[in-house]
mmCIF file of all heavy atoms, coordinates in Angstrom:
data_MODEL
# 
_entry.id   MODEL 
# 
loop_
_atom_site.group_PDB 
_atom_site.id 
_atom_site.type_symbol 
_atom_site.label_atom_id 
_atom_site.label_alt_id 
_atom_site.label_comp_id 
_atom_site.label_asym_id 
_atom_site.label_entity_id 
_atom_site.label_seq_id 
_atom_site.pdbx_PDB_ins_code 
_atom_site.Cartn_x 
_atom_site.Cartn_y 
_atom_site.Cartn_z 
_atom_site.occupancy 
_atom_site.B_iso_or_equiv 
_atom_site.pdbx_formal_charge 
_atom_site.auth_seq_id 
_atom_site.auth_comp_id 
_atom_site.auth_asym_id 
_atom_site.auth_atom_id 
_atom_site.pdbx_PDB_model_num 
ATOM 1   N N   . VAL A 1 1  ? -12.045 31.263 0.023  1.00 0.00 ? 1  VAL A N   1 
ATOM 2   C CA  . VAL A 1 1  ? -12.892 32.453 0.136  1.00 0.00 ? 1  VAL A CA  1 
ATOM 3   C C   . VAL A 1 1  ? -13.115 32.861 1.585  1.00 0.00 ? 1  VAL A C   1 
ATOM 4   O O   . VAL A 1 1  ? -13.452 34.015 1.870  1.00 0.00 ? 1  VAL A O   1 
ATOM 5   C CB  . VAL A 1 1  ? -14.263 32.219 -0.553 1.00 0.00 ? 1  VAL A CB  1 
ATOM 6   C CG1 . VAL A 1 1  ? -14.073 32.025 -2.039 1.00 0.00 ? 1  VAL A CG1 1 
ATOM 7   C CG2 . VAL A 1 1  ? -14.987 31.028 0.066  1.00 0.00 ? 1  VAL A CG2 1 
ATOM 8   N N   . GLN A 1 2  ? -12.915 31.924 2.510  1.00 0.00 ? 2  GLN A N   1 
ATOM 9   C CA  . GLN A 1 2  ? -13.147 32.227 3.921  1.00 0.00 ? 2  GLN A CA  1 
ATOM 10  C C   . GLN A 1 2  ? -12.221 33.331 4.438  1.00 0.00 ? 2  GLN A C   1 
ATOM 11  O O   . GLN A 1 2  ? -12.581 34.059 5.367  1.00 0.00 ? 2  GLN A O   1 
ATOM 12  C CB  . GLN A 1 2  ? -12.953 30.973 4.771  1.00 0.00 ? 2  GLN A CB  1 
ATOM 13  C CG  . GLN A 1 2  ? -13.991 29.900 4.555  1.00 0.00 ? 2  GLN A CG  1 
ATOM 14  C CD  . GLN A 1 2  ? -13.717 29.033 3.339  1.00 0.00 ? 2  GLN A CD  1 
ATOM 15  O OE1 . GLN A 1 2  ? -12.703 29.210 2.655  1.00 0.00 ? 2  GLN A OE1 1 
ATOM 16  N NE2 . GLN A 1 2  ? -14.589 28.078 3.072  1.00 0.00 ? 2  GLN A NE2 1 
ATOM 17  N N   . ILE A 1 3  ? -11.038 33.469 3.830  1.00 0.00 ? 3  ILE A N   1 
ATOM 18  C CA  . ILE A 1 3  ? -10.098 34.511 4.258  1.00 0.00 ? 3  ILE A CA  1 
ATOM 19  C C   . ILE A 1 3  ? -10.741 35.885 4.094  1.00 0.00 ? 3  ILE A C   1 
ATOM 20  O O   . ILE A 1 3  ? -10.769 36.702 5.027  1.00 0.00 ? 3  ILE A O   1 
ATOM 21  C CB  . ILE A 1 3  ? -8.791  34.429 3.448  1.00 0.00 ? 3  ILE A CB  1 
ATOM 22  C CG1 . ILE A 1 3  ? -8.076  33.105 3.718  1.00 0.00 ? 3  ILE A CG1 1 
ATOM 23  C CG2 . ILE A 1 3  ? -7.888  35.617 3.769  1.00 0.00 ? 3  ILE A CG2 1 
ATOM 24  C CD1 . ILE A 1 3  ? -6.853  32.881 2.858  1.00 0.00 ? 3  ILE A CD1 1 
ATOM 25  N N   . SER A 1 4  ? -11.265 36.125 2.911  1.00 0.00 ? 4  SER A N   1 
ATOM 26  C CA  . SER A 1 4  ? -11.897 37.413 2.636  1.00 0.00 ? 4  SER A CA  1 
ATOM 27  C C   . SER A 1 4  ? -13.191 37.577 3.414  1.00 0.00 ? 4  SER A C   1 
ATOM 28  O O   . SER A 1 4  ? -13.497 38.668 3.918  1.00 0.00 ? 4  SER A O   1 
ATOM 29  C CB  . SER A 1 4  ? -12.171 37.553 1.132  1.00 0.00 ? 4  SER A CB  1 
ATOM 30  O OG  . SER A 1 4  ? -10.978 37.482 0.399  1.00 0.00 ? 4  SER A OG  1 
ATOM 31  N N   . GLN A 1 5  ? -13.946 36.498 3.527  1.00 0.00 ? 5  GLN A N   1 
ATOM 32  C CA  . GLN A 1 5  ? -15.227 36.571 4.229  1.00 0.00 ? 5  GLN A CA  1 
ATOM 33  C C   . GLN A 1 5  ? -15.039 36.978 5.687  1.00 0.00 ? 5  GLN A C   1 
ATOM 34  O O   . GLN A 1 5  ? -15.720 37.877 6.196  1.00 0.00 ? 5  GLN A O   1 
ATOM 35  C CB  . GLN A 1 5  ? -15.949 35.228 4.148  1.00 0.00 ? 5  GLN A CB  1 
ATOM 36  C CG  . GLN A 1 5  ? -16.473 34.882 2.763  1.00 0.00 ? 5  GLN A CG  1 
ATOM 37  C CD  . GLN A 1 5  ? -17.077 33.484 2.713  1.00 0.00 ? 5  GLN A CD  1 
ATOM 38  O OE1 . GLN A 1 5  ? -17.185 32.806 3.734  1.00 0.00 ? 5  GLN A OE1 1 
ATOM 39  N NE2 . GLN A 1 5  ? -17.472 33.048 1.537  1.00 0.00 ? 5  GLN A NE2 1 
ATOM 40  N N   . VAL A 1 6  ? -14.125 36.307 6.367  1.00 0.00 ? 6  VAL A N   1 
ATOM 41  C CA  . VAL A 1 6  ? -13.892 36.590 7.783  1.00 0.00 ? 6  VAL A CA  1 
ATOM 42  C C   . VAL A 1 6  ? -13.360 38.005 7.968  1.00 0.00 ? 6  VAL A C   1 
ATOM 43  O O   . VAL A 1 6  ? -13.761 38.722 8.904  1.00 0.00 ? 6  VAL A O   1 
ATOM 44  C CB  . VAL A 1 6  ? -12.924 35.555 8.395  1.00 0.00 ? 6  VAL A CB  1 
ATOM 45  C CG1 . VAL A 1 6  ? -12.448 36.006 9.770  1.00 0.00 ? 6  VAL A CG1 1 
ATOM 46  C CG2 . VAL A 1 6  ? -13.606 34.198 8.491  1.00 0.00 ? 6  VAL A CG2 1 
ATOM 47  N N   . ALA A 1 7  ? -12.467 38.438 7.080  1.00 0.00 ? 7  ALA A N   1 
ATOM 48  C CA  . ALA A 1 7  ? -11.905 39.787 7.182  1.00 0.00 ? 7  ALA A CA  1 
ATOM 49  C C   . ALA A 1 7  ? -12.998 40.850 7.033  1.00 0.00 ? 7  ALA A C   1 
ATOM 50  O O   . ALA A 1 7  ? -13.047 41.821 7.802  1.00 0.00 ? 7  ALA A O   1 
ATOM 51  C CB  . ALA A 1 7  ? -10.829 39.989 6.122  1.00 0.00 ? 7  ALA A CB  1 
ATOM 52  N N   . VAL A 1 8  ? -13.885 40.674 6.055  1.00 0.00 ? 8  VAL A N   1 
ATOM 53  C CA  . VAL A 1 8  ? -14.971 41.637 5.847  1.00 0.00 ? 8  VAL A CA  1 
ATOM 54  C C   . VAL A 1 8  ? -15.962 41.575 7.004  1.00 0.00 ? 8  VAL A C   1 
ATOM 55  O O   . VAL A 1 8  ? -16.468 42.609 7.468  1.00 0.00 ? 8  VAL A O   1 
ATOM 56  C CB  . VAL A 1 8  ? -15.669 41.395 4.492  1.00 0.00 ? 8  VAL A CB  1 
ATOM 57  C CG1 . VAL A 1 8  ? -16.892 42.297 4.347  1.00 0.00 ? 8  VAL A CG1 1 
ATOM 58  C CG2 . VAL A 1 8  ? -14.700 41.636 3.350  1.00 0.00 ? 8  VAL A CG2 1 
ATOM 59  N N   . ASN A 1 9  ? -16.247 40.361 7.491  1.00 0.00 ? 9  ASN A N   1 
ATOM 60  C CA  . ASN A 1 9  ? -17.103 40.230 8.675  1.00 0.00 ? 9  ASN A CA  1 
ATOM 61  C C   . ASN A 1 9  ? -16.563 41.059 9.838  1.00 0.00 ? 9  ASN A C   1 
ATOM 62  O O   . ASN A 1 9  ? -17.312 41.775 10.515 1.00 0.00 ? 9  ASN A O   1 
ATOM 63  C CB  . ASN A 1 9  ? -17.169 38.760 9.127  1.00 0.00 ? 9  ASN A CB  1 
ATOM 64  C CG  . ASN A 1 9  ? -18.098 37.922 8.285  1.00 0.00 ? 9  ASN A CG  1 
ATOM 65  O OD1 . ASN A 1 9  ? -19.149 38.377 7.874  1.00 0.00 ? 9  ASN A OD1 1 
ATOM 66  N ND2 . ASN A 1 9  ? -17.705 36.695 8.011  1.00 0.00 ? 9  ASN A ND2 1 
ATOM 67  N N   . PHE A 1 10 ? -15.276 40.958 10.054 1.00 0.00 ? 10 PHE A N   1 
ATOM 68  C CA  . PHE A 1 10 ? -14.628 41.601 11.191 1.00 0.00 ? 10 PHE A CA  1 
ATOM 69  C C   . PHE A 1 10 ? -14.700 43.123 11.105 1.00 0.00 ? 10 PHE A C   1 
ATOM 70  O O   . PHE A 1 10 ? -15.124 43.803 12.047 1.00 0.00 ? 10 PHE A O   1 
ATOM 71  C CB  . PHE A 1 10 ? -13.177 41.128 11.257 1.00 0.00 ? 10 PHE A CB  1 
ATOM 72  C CG  . PHE A 1 10 ? -12.418 41.638 12.447 1.00 0.00 ? 10 PHE A CG  1 
ATOM 73  C CD1 . PHE A 1 10 ? -12.735 41.229 13.731 1.00 0.00 ? 10 PHE A CD1 1 
ATOM 74  C CD2 . PHE A 1 10 ? -11.364 42.525 12.284 1.00 0.00 ? 10 PHE A CD2 1 
ATOM 75  C CE1 . PHE A 1 10 ? -12.030 41.685 14.834 1.00 0.00 ? 10 PHE A CE1 1 
ATOM 76  C CE2 . PHE A 1 10 ? -10.659 42.995 13.380 1.00 0.00 ? 10 PHE A CE2 1 
ATOM 77  C CZ  . PHE A 1 10 ? -10.994 42.580 14.656 1.00 0.00 ? 10 PHE A CZ  1 
ATOM 78  N N   . ILE A 1 11 ? -14.305 43.682 9.949  1.00 0.00 ? 11 ILE A N   1 
ATOM 79  C CA  . ILE A 1 11 ? -14.295 45.146 9.839  1.00 0.00 ? 11 ILE A CA  1 
ATOM 80  C C   . ILE A 1 11 ? -15.713 45.709 9.728  1.00 0.00 ? 11 ILE A C   1 
ATOM 81  O O   . ILE A 1 11 ? -15.985 46.818 10.205 1.00 0.00 ? 11 ILE A O   1 
ATOM 82  C CB  . ILE A 1 11 ? -13.417 45.630 8.658  1.00 0.00 ? 11 ILE A CB  1 
ATOM 83  C CG1 . ILE A 1 11 ? -13.938 45.103 7.320  1.00 0.00 ? 11 ILE A CG1 1 
ATOM 84  C CG2 . ILE A 1 11 ? -11.969 45.236 8.882  1.00 0.00 ? 11 ILE A CG2 1 
ATOM 85  C CD1 . ILE A 1 11 ? -13.174 45.674 6.129  1.00 0.00 ? 11 ILE A CD1 1 
ATOM 86  N N   . ALA A 1 12 ? -16.630 44.933 9.133  1.00 0.00 ? 12 ALA A N   1 
ATOM 87  C CA  . ALA A 1 12 ? -18.016 45.395 9.041  1.00 0.00 ? 12 ALA A CA  1 
ATOM 88  C C   . ALA A 1 12 ? -18.637 45.501 10.430 1.00 0.00 ? 12 ALA A C   1 
ATOM 89  O O   . ALA A 1 12 ? -19.368 46.446 10.730 1.00 0.00 ? 12 ALA A O   1 
ATOM 90  C CB  . ALA A 1 12 ? -18.838 44.456 8.161  1.00 0.00 ? 12 ALA A CB  1 
ATOM 91  N N   . SER A 1 13 ? -18.338 44.546 11.280 1.00 0.00 ? 13 SER A N   1 
ATOM 92  C CA  . SER A 1 13 ? -18.863 44.570 12.638 1.00 0.00 ? 13 SER A CA  1 
ATOM 93  C C   . SER A 1 13 ? -18.325 45.759 13.417 1.00 0.00 ? 13 SER A C   1 
ATOM 94  O O   . SER A 1 13 ? -19.073 46.457 14.117 1.00 0.00 ? 13 SER A O   1 
ATOM 95  C CB  . SER A 1 13 ? -18.495 43.270 13.364 1.00 0.00 ? 13 SER A CB  1 
ATOM 96  O OG  . SER A 1 13 ? -18.913 43.321 14.715 1.00 0.00 ? 13 SER A OG  1 
ATOM 97  N N   . MET A 1 14 ? -17.036 46.018 13.302 1.00 0.00 ? 14 MET A N   1 
ATOM 98  C CA  . MET A 1 14 ? -16.449 47.160 14.001 1.00 0.00 ? 14 MET A CA  1 
ATOM 99  C C   . MET A 1 14 ? -17.052 48.465 13.498 1.00 0.00 ? 14 MET A C   1 
ATOM 100 O O   . MET A 1 14 ? -17.337 49.375 14.290 1.00 0.00 ? 14 MET A O   1 
ATOM 101 C CB  . MET A 1 14 ? -14.928 47.161 13.822 1.00 0.00 ? 14 MET A CB  1 
ATOM 102 C CG  . MET A 1 14 ? -14.220 46.056 14.592 1.00 0.00 ? 14 MET A CG  1 
ATOM 103 S SD  . MET A 1 14 ? -12.433 46.341 14.762 1.00 0.00 ? 14 MET A SD  1 
ATOM 104 C CE  . MET A 1 14 ? -11.913 46.198 13.047 1.00 0.00 ? 14 MET A CE  1 
ATOM 105 N N   . GLN A 1 15 ? -17.246 48.564 12.198 1.00 0.00 ? 15 GLN A N   1 
ATOM 106 C CA  . GLN A 1 15 ? -17.822 49.790 11.639 1.00 0.00 ? 15 GLN A CA  1 
ATOM 107 C C   . GLN A 1 15 ? -19.264 49.979 12.094 1.00 0.00 ? 15 GLN A C   1 
ATOM 108 O O   . GLN A 1 15 ? -19.671 51.082 12.473 1.00 0.00 ? 15 GLN A O   1 
ATOM 109 C CB  . GLN A 1 15 ? -17.760 49.733 10.112 1.00 0.00 ? 15 GLN A CB  1 
ATOM 110 C CG  . GLN A 1 15 ? -18.296 50.992 9.447  1.00 0.00 ? 15 GLN A CG  1 
ATOM 111 C CD  . GLN A 1 15 ? -18.151 50.947 7.948  1.00 0.00 ? 15 GLN A CD  1 
ATOM 112 O OE1 . GLN A 1 15 ? -17.050 50.789 7.417  1.00 0.00 ? 15 GLN A OE1 1 
ATOM 113 N NE2 . GLN A 1 15 ? -19.259 51.076 7.236  1.00 0.00 ? 15 GLN A NE2 1 
ATOM 114 N N   . TYR A 1 16 ? -20.039 48.901 12.061 1.00 0.00 ? 16 TYR A N   1 
ATOM 115 C CA  . TYR A 1 16 ? -21.440 48.964 12.483 1.00 0.00 ? 16 TYR A CA  1 
ATOM 116 C C   . TYR A 1 16 ? -21.565 49.394 13.939 1.00 0.00 ? 16 TYR A C   1 
ATOM 117 O O   . TYR A 1 16 ? -22.433 50.197 14.301 1.00 0.00 ? 16 TYR A O   1 
ATOM 118 C CB  . TYR A 1 16 ? -22.082 47.587 12.267 1.00 0.00 ? 16 TYR A CB  1 
ATOM 119 C CG  . TYR A 1 16 ? -23.514 47.470 12.754 1.00 0.00 ? 16 TYR A CG  1 
ATOM 120 C CD1 . TYR A 1 16 ? -24.448 48.463 12.516 1.00 0.00 ? 16 TYR A CD1 1 
ATOM 121 C CD2 . TYR A 1 16 ? -23.927 46.327 13.440 1.00 0.00 ? 16 TYR A CD2 1 
ATOM 122 C CE1 . TYR A 1 16 ? -25.758 48.332 12.955 1.00 0.00 ? 16 TYR A CE1 1 
ATOM 123 C CE2 . TYR A 1 16 ? -25.234 46.189 13.883 1.00 0.00 ? 16 TYR A CE2 1 
ATOM 124 C CZ  . TYR A 1 16 ? -26.144 47.202 13.637 1.00 0.00 ? 16 TYR A CZ  1 
ATOM 125 O OH  . TYR A 1 16 ? -27.440 47.073 14.084 1.00 0.00 ? 16 TYR A OH  1 
ATOM 126 N N   . ASN A 1 17 ? -20.680 48.883 14.784 1.00 0.00 ? 17 ASN A N   1 
ATOM 127 C CA  . ASN A 1 17 ? -20.734 49.192 16.208 1.00 0.00 ? 17 ASN A CA  1 
ATOM 128 C C   . ASN A 1 17 ? -20.176 50.578 16.529 1.00 0.00 ? 17 ASN A C   1 
ATOM 129 O O   . ASN A 1 17 ? -20.481 51.137 17.578 1.00 0.00 ? 17 ASN A O   1 
ATOM 130 C CB  . ASN A 1 17 ? -19.957 48.139 17.004 1.00 0.00 ? 17 ASN A CB  1 
ATOM 131 C CG  . ASN A 1 17 ? -20.240 48.208 18.490 1.00 0.00 ? 17 ASN A CG  1 
ATOM 132 O OD1 . ASN A 1 17 ? -21.397 48.288 18.913 1.00 0.00 ? 17 ASN A OD1 1 
ATOM 133 N ND2 . ASN A 1 17 ? -19.187 48.215 19.303 1.00 0.00 ? 17 ASN A ND2 1 
ATOM 134 N N   . THR A 1 18 ? -19.370 51.134 15.644 1.00 0.00 ? 18 THR A N   1 
ATOM 135 C CA  . THR A 1 18 ? -18.720 52.416 15.900 1.00 0.00 ? 18 THR A CA  1 
ATOM 136 C C   . THR A 1 18 ? -19.543 53.602 15.408 1.00 0.00 ? 18 THR A C   1 
ATOM 137 O O   . THR A 1 18 ? -19.725 54.589 16.114 1.00 0.00 ? 18 THR A O   1 
ATOM 138 C CB  . THR A 1 18 ? -17.328 52.445 15.237 1.00 0.00 ? 18 THR A CB  1 
ATOM 139 O OG1 . THR A 1 18 ? -16.516 51.413 15.797 1.00 0.00 ? 18 THR A OG1 1 
ATOM 140 C CG2 . THR A 1 18 ? -16.654 53.793 15.445 1.00 0.00 ? 18 THR A CG2 1 
ATOM 141 N N   . PHE A 1 19 ? -20.044 53.492 14.178 1.00 0.00 ? 19 PHE A N   1 
ATOM 142 C CA  . PHE A 1 19 ? -20.809 54.595 13.593 1.00 0.00 ? 19 PHE A CA  1 
ATOM 143 C C   . PHE A 1 19 ? -22.294 54.318 13.789 1.00 0.00 ? 19 PHE A C   1 
ATOM 144 O O   . PHE A 1 19 ? -22.881 53.489 13.085 1.00 0.00 ? 19 PHE A O   1 
ATOM 145 C CB  . PHE A 1 19 ? -20.467 54.740 12.109 1.00 0.00 ? 19 PHE A CB  1 
ATOM 146 C CG  . PHE A 1 19 ? -19.041 55.143 11.875 1.00 0.00 ? 19 PHE A CG  1 
ATOM 147 C CD1 . PHE A 1 19 ? -18.053 54.177 11.697 1.00 0.00 ? 19 PHE A CD1 1 
ATOM 148 C CD2 . PHE A 1 19 ? -18.676 56.477 11.855 1.00 0.00 ? 19 PHE A CD2 1 
ATOM 149 C CE1 . PHE A 1 19 ? -16.729 54.538 11.491 1.00 0.00 ? 19 PHE A CE1 1 
ATOM 150 C CE2 . PHE A 1 19 ? -17.358 56.858 11.657 1.00 0.00 ? 19 PHE A CE2 1 
ATOM 151 C CZ  . PHE A 1 19 ? -16.387 55.888 11.471 1.00 0.00 ? 19 PHE A CZ  1 
ATOM 152 N N   . ARG A 1 20 ? -22.900 55.012 14.759 1.00 0.00 ? 20 ARG A N   1 
ATOM 153 C CA  . ARG A 1 20 ? -24.257 54.677 15.185 1.00 0.00 ? 20 ARG A CA  1 
ATOM 154 C C   . ARG A 1 20 ? -25.304 55.737 14.860 1.00 0.00 ? 20 ARG A C   1 
ATOM 155 O O   . ARG A 1 20 ? -26.465 55.397 14.646 1.00 0.00 ? 20 ARG A O   1 
ATOM 156 C CB  . ARG A 1 20 ? -24.273 54.410 16.694 1.00 0.00 ? 20 ARG A CB  1 
ATOM 157 C CG  . ARG A 1 20 ? -23.362 53.276 17.123 1.00 0.00 ? 20 ARG A CG  1 
ATOM 158 C CD  . ARG A 1 20 ? -23.466 53.029 18.612 1.00 0.00 ? 20 ARG A CD  1 
ATOM 159 N NE  . ARG A 1 20 ? -22.534 52.007 19.058 1.00 0.00 ? 20 ARG A NE  1 
ATOM 160 C CZ  . ARG A 1 20 ? -22.436 51.587 20.315 1.00 0.00 ? 20 ARG A CZ  1 
ATOM 161 N NH1 . ARG A 1 20 ? -23.224 52.119 21.245 1.00 0.00 ? 20 ARG A NH1 1 
ATOM 162 N NH2 . ARG A 1 20 ? -21.565 50.659 20.648 1.00 0.00 ? 20 ARG A NH2 1 
ATOM 163 N N   . GLN A 1 21 ? -24.900 57.008 14.866 1.00 0.00 ? 21 GLN A N   1 
ATOM 164 C CA  . GLN A 1 21 ? -25.879 58.067 14.613 1.00 0.00 ? 21 GLN A CA  1 
ATOM 165 C C   . GLN A 1 21 ? -25.307 59.112 13.675 1.00 0.00 ? 21 GLN A C   1 
ATOM 166 O O   . GLN A 1 21 ? -24.193 59.596 13.880 1.00 0.00 ? 21 GLN A O   1 
ATOM 167 C CB  . GLN A 1 21 ? -26.312 58.740 15.919 1.00 0.00 ? 21 GLN A CB  1 
ATOM 168 C CG  . GLN A 1 21 ? -27.212 57.892 16.795 1.00 0.00 ? 21 GLN A CG  1 
ATOM 169 C CD  . GLN A 1 21 ? -27.841 58.689 17.921 1.00 0.00 ? 21 GLN A CD  1 
ATOM 170 O OE1 . GLN A 1 21 ? -27.891 59.912 17.886 1.00 0.00 ? 21 GLN A OE1 1 
ATOM 171 N NE2 . GLN A 1 21 ? -28.337 57.984 18.928 1.00 0.00 ? 21 GLN A NE2 1 
ATOM 172 N N   . ALA A 1 22 ? -26.076 59.454 12.662 1.00 0.00 ? 22 ALA A N   1 
ATOM 173 C CA  . ALA A 1 22 ? -25.702 60.515 11.738 1.00 0.00 ? 22 ALA A CA  1 
ATOM 174 C C   . ALA A 1 22 ? -26.461 61.772 12.113 1.00 0.00 ? 22 ALA A C   1 
ATOM 175 O O   . ALA A 1 22 ? -27.659 61.886 11.863 1.00 0.00 ? 22 ALA A O   1 
ATOM 176 C CB  . ALA A 1 22 ? -26.025 60.110 10.299 1.00 0.00 ? 22 ALA A CB  1 
ATOM 177 N N   . GLU A 1 23 ? -25.760 62.690 12.769 1.00 0.00 ? 23 GLU A N   1 
ATOM 178 C CA  . GLU A 1 23 ? -26.351 63.961 13.197 1.00 0.00 ? 23 GLU A CA  1 
ATOM 179 C C   . GLU A 1 23 ? -27.672 63.737 13.943 1.00 0.00 ? 23 GLU A C   1 
ATOM 180 O O   . GLU A 1 23 ? -28.688 64.363 13.651 1.00 0.00 ? 23 GLU A O   1 
ATOM 181 C CB  . GLU A 1 23 ? -26.524 64.895 12.007 1.00 0.00 ? 23 GLU A CB  1 
ATOM 182 C CG  . GLU A 1 23 ? -25.195 65.277 11.373 1.00 0.00 ? 23 GLU A CG  1 
ATOM 183 C CD  . GLU A 1 23 ? -25.314 66.256 10.228 1.00 0.00 ? 23 GLU A CD  1 
ATOM 184 O OE1 . GLU A 1 23 ? -26.384 66.894 10.095 1.00 0.00 ? 23 GLU A OE1 1 
ATOM 185 O OE2 . GLU A 1 23 ? -24.340 66.392 9.473  1.00 0.00 ? 23 GLU A OE2 1 
ATOM 186 N N   . GLY A 1 24 ? -27.627 62.796 14.887 1.00 0.00 ? 24 GLY A N   1 
ATOM 187 C CA  . GLY A 1 24 ? -28.769 62.555 15.753 1.00 0.00 ? 24 GLY A CA  1 
ATOM 188 C C   . GLY A 1 24 ? -29.730 61.479 15.300 1.00 0.00 ? 24 GLY A C   1 
ATOM 189 O O   . GLY A 1 24 ? -30.615 61.084 16.059 1.00 0.00 ? 24 GLY A O   1 
# 
């Protein structure tokens, strides 16, 4: 299960850090 866990951790972090404000 660690394969999927690490992969989701990785893309979730990138998404969280990239999309920061919705129309202000």
